[in-house]
Protein backbone atom coordinates (compact mmCIF):
# COMPACT_ATOMS: atom_id res chain seq x y z
CA MET A 1 -0.34 -0.29 0.04
CA LEU A 2 2.62 2.36 0.79
CA GLY A 3 4.61 1.64 -2.55
CA ARG A 4 1.43 2.70 -4.14
CA LEU A 5 0.85 5.55 -2.20
CA ILE A 6 4.40 6.75 -3.18
CA ALA A 7 3.73 6.35 -6.79
CA ASP A 8 0.28 7.85 -6.78
CA VAL A 9 2.09 11.19 -4.67
CA THR A 10 4.87 11.75 -6.73
CA ALA A 11 2.77 11.10 -9.67
CA SER A 12 5.81 8.38 -10.89
CA PRO A 13 6.10 4.47 -10.75
CA TYR A 14 7.59 3.55 -7.06
CA PRO A 15 11.41 2.79 -8.31
CA GLN A 16 11.67 5.94 -10.25
CA ALA A 17 10.24 8.17 -7.24
CA VAL A 18 12.50 6.00 -4.79
CA ALA A 19 15.53 6.43 -7.16
CA ARG A 20 14.94 10.21 -7.48
CA MET A 21 14.25 10.86 -3.44
CA VAL A 22 16.39 8.08 -1.80
CA LEU A 23 19.14 6.18 -4.04
CA ASP A 24 20.64 8.84 -5.95
CA PRO A 25 20.97 11.63 -2.93
CA LEU A 26 22.64 9.03 -1.03
CA GLY A 27 25.06 7.90 -3.80
CA MET A 28 23.10 4.11 -4.16
CA THR A 29 24.37 3.96 -8.16
CA GLY A 30 24.72 0.17 -7.49
CA SER A 31 20.74 -0.24 -6.67
CA SER A 32 18.18 -0.64 -8.68
CA PHE A 33 15.01 -2.33 -9.63
CA PRO A 34 15.35 -4.73 -12.57
CA THR A 35 12.12 -6.11 -14.38
CA MET A 36 14.98 -8.95 -15.79
CA PRO A 37 17.46 -10.81 -13.62
CA PRO A 38 20.87 -8.82 -14.75
CA ALA A 39 22.84 -11.16 -16.80
CA THR A 40 26.00 -10.52 -15.03
CA GLY A 41 26.94 -8.86 -12.29
CA ALA A 42 24.74 -10.15 -9.91
CA ALA A 43 24.99 -12.95 -7.21
CA THR A 44 23.43 -16.51 -7.62
CA GLY A 45 22.03 -17.75 -4.52
CA TYR A 46 21.68 -21.19 -2.91
CA ARG A 47 19.31 -23.36 -1.32
CA LEU A 48 19.78 -26.49 0.39
CA SER A 49 18.71 -29.47 -1.88
CA THR A 50 17.44 -32.93 -0.29
CA GLU A 51 20.45 -34.79 -0.90
CA GLY A 52 22.36 -32.02 1.63
CA SER A 53 24.11 -30.15 -1.31
CA PHE A 54 23.77 -26.68 -2.59
CA GLU A 55 22.12 -25.84 -5.73
CA PRO A 56 21.91 -22.44 -6.90
CA VAL A 57 18.48 -21.02 -6.96
CA PRO A 58 17.13 -19.45 -10.75
CA ALA A 59 17.54 -15.27 -10.32
CA GLN A 60 13.88 -13.83 -9.91
CA VAL A 61 12.86 -10.21 -9.74
CA CYS A 62 9.94 -9.27 -7.34
CA THR A 63 6.65 -8.35 -9.43
CA LEU A 64 5.78 -5.95 -6.49
CA PRO A 65 8.80 -3.44 -6.55
CA ALA A 66 8.13 -1.97 -2.83
CA ALA A 67 7.85 -5.52 -1.06
CA GLY A 68 11.06 -6.84 -2.34
CA GLY A 69 12.32 -5.20 -5.79
CA LEU A 70 15.59 -3.13 -4.87
CA TRP A 71 18.57 -4.91 -5.82
CA THR A 72 21.31 -3.88 -3.94
CA THR A 73 25.09 -3.94 -2.74
CA ALA A 74 26.67 -4.14 0.71
CA PRO A 75 28.07 -0.75 -0.23
CA ASP A 76 24.74 0.99 -1.24
CA LEU A 77 23.23 -0.45 1.84
CA VAL A 78 26.25 0.82 4.50
CA ARG A 79 24.93 4.52 2.40
CA PHE A 80 21.75 4.42 3.84
CA GLY A 81 22.06 3.04 6.93
CA LEU A 82 24.52 6.29 7.39
CA GLY A 83 22.27 8.46 5.21
CA TRP A 84 18.98 7.46 5.36
CA SER A 85 17.80 9.95 8.32
CA SER A 86 19.07 12.74 6.17
CA LEU A 87 16.13 12.28 3.68
CA LEU A 88 14.01 13.26 6.46
CA PRO A 89 12.92 16.08 8.62
CA ASP A 90 14.58 15.51 11.93
CA ALA A 91 11.50 15.36 13.62
CA LEU A 92 10.35 12.48 11.13
CA ALA A 93 13.74 10.47 11.28
CA ARG A 94 13.31 10.23 15.40
CA GLU A 95 9.69 9.38 14.86
CA ALA A 96 10.92 6.38 12.56
CA LEU A 97 13.21 4.92 15.54
CA SER A 98 10.37 5.46 17.98
CA PRO A 99 8.07 2.63 19.16
CA GLN A 100 4.32 2.75 16.89
CA ALA A 101 2.74 0.26 19.46
CA GLU A 102 3.53 -0.89 22.47
CA ARG A 103 4.32 -4.78 23.42
CA ASP A 104 3.17 -6.21 26.61
CA ASP A 105 5.87 -8.61 26.40
CA GLY A 106 8.89 -6.09 26.23
CA GLY A 107 10.02 -7.81 23.18
CA GLY A 108 10.93 -5.95 19.68
CA ARG A 109 8.60 -3.47 18.55
CA ALA A 110 8.44 -1.81 15.05
CA GLY A 111 8.99 1.87 14.37
CA LEU A 112 8.63 3.64 11.00
CA GLY A 113 10.03 1.30 8.58
CA TRP A 114 12.15 0.16 10.86
CA MET A 115 12.32 -3.23 13.33
CA LEU A 116 13.29 -1.84 17.17
CA VAL A 117 15.12 -3.53 19.76
CA PRO A 118 15.40 -0.76 22.41
CA PRO A 119 17.61 -3.03 24.99
CA LYS A 120 20.31 -3.39 22.48
CA ASP A 121 20.34 -0.28 21.31
CA VAL A 122 19.39 -1.65 17.48
CA ALA A 123 16.80 -1.02 15.05
CA GLY A 124 16.85 -3.15 11.91
CA HIS A 125 15.06 -3.75 8.71
CA PRO A 126 15.36 -7.57 6.64
CA GLY A 127 14.91 -8.53 3.57
CA ALA A 128 15.08 -11.84 2.35
CA GLY A 129 14.47 -13.57 -1.52
CA PRO A 130 14.79 -16.95 -2.94
CA GLY A 131 18.28 -18.06 -2.34
CA PHE A 132 19.22 -14.60 -0.37
CA SER A 133 19.27 -12.85 2.64
CA ALA A 134 20.03 -9.50 4.01
CA SER A 135 19.79 -7.06 7.31
CA LEU A 136 20.85 -3.31 7.92
CA ILE A 137 20.93 -2.99 11.41
CA ILE A 138 21.86 0.84 12.84
CA ARG A 139 22.45 1.37 16.21
CA SER A 140 19.75 3.84 17.37
CA SER A 141 22.04 6.23 19.46
CA THR A 142 24.79 6.79 17.02
CA GLY A 143 23.32 5.33 13.68
CA GLY A 144 26.39 3.19 13.01
CA PRO A 145 25.22 0.26 10.56
CA TRP A 146 26.05 -2.97 9.68
CA VAL A 147 24.95 -4.99 6.83
CA VAL A 148 24.53 -8.95 6.78
CA LEU A 149 24.62 -10.51 3.13
CA THR A 150 24.10 -13.88 2.12
CA ASN A 151 23.22 -15.66 -0.59
CA ARG A 152 21.60 -18.83 0.73
CA GLN A 153 18.62 -18.30 2.68
CA VAL A 154 19.14 -18.28 6.65
CA LEU A 155 18.50 -16.72 9.76
CA LEU A 156 20.24 -13.92 10.26
CA GLU A 157 19.64 -13.27 13.92
CA PRO A 158 22.16 -15.38 15.49
CA VAL A 159 24.68 -13.19 13.66
CA ASN A 160 22.79 -9.94 14.32
CA GLU A 161 23.39 -10.86 17.71
CA ARG A 162 27.05 -11.05 17.90
CA LEU A 163 27.74 -8.30 16.06
CA ALA A 164 25.29 -6.24 18.41
CA LEU A 165 27.43 -7.14 21.48
CA PRO A 166 30.11 -4.54 23.07
CA ILE A 167 33.34 -4.31 22.12
CA VAL A 168 35.47 -4.74 25.07
């Protein structure tokens, strides 16, 4: 729904609106919304076969660009992690990292586009597709990002948990 709203308000297809308002200003030159899998230069995703070996997953593009159509790179995700708040008014950037609903169990919460884990001072946004997993995590207090990308669909929470540990 938000992707459609962005397209309607900007009078541009969603991929063009995102390129103009996010990718270009942040210098994310390795990111795009392809309509066909690239012939070269893209990572190959893998899945575990029933025999226990890895087999390539045919490249696919998402038919709903706002729901998973962005193809990007680790450097571009770091650029986004460092610069996303510069694209918004200060008050809205702060609101994006504020819980939008309280949970009784004290677990993670949702901000505006971010999953929040207040006790660990982190906010993140995961992504996955056939043969791939990704996460972008930022420290809520400092904005420092880290990116985890895999060419196999796996749970990234254990990796993110390790990366969130204090460095001593």
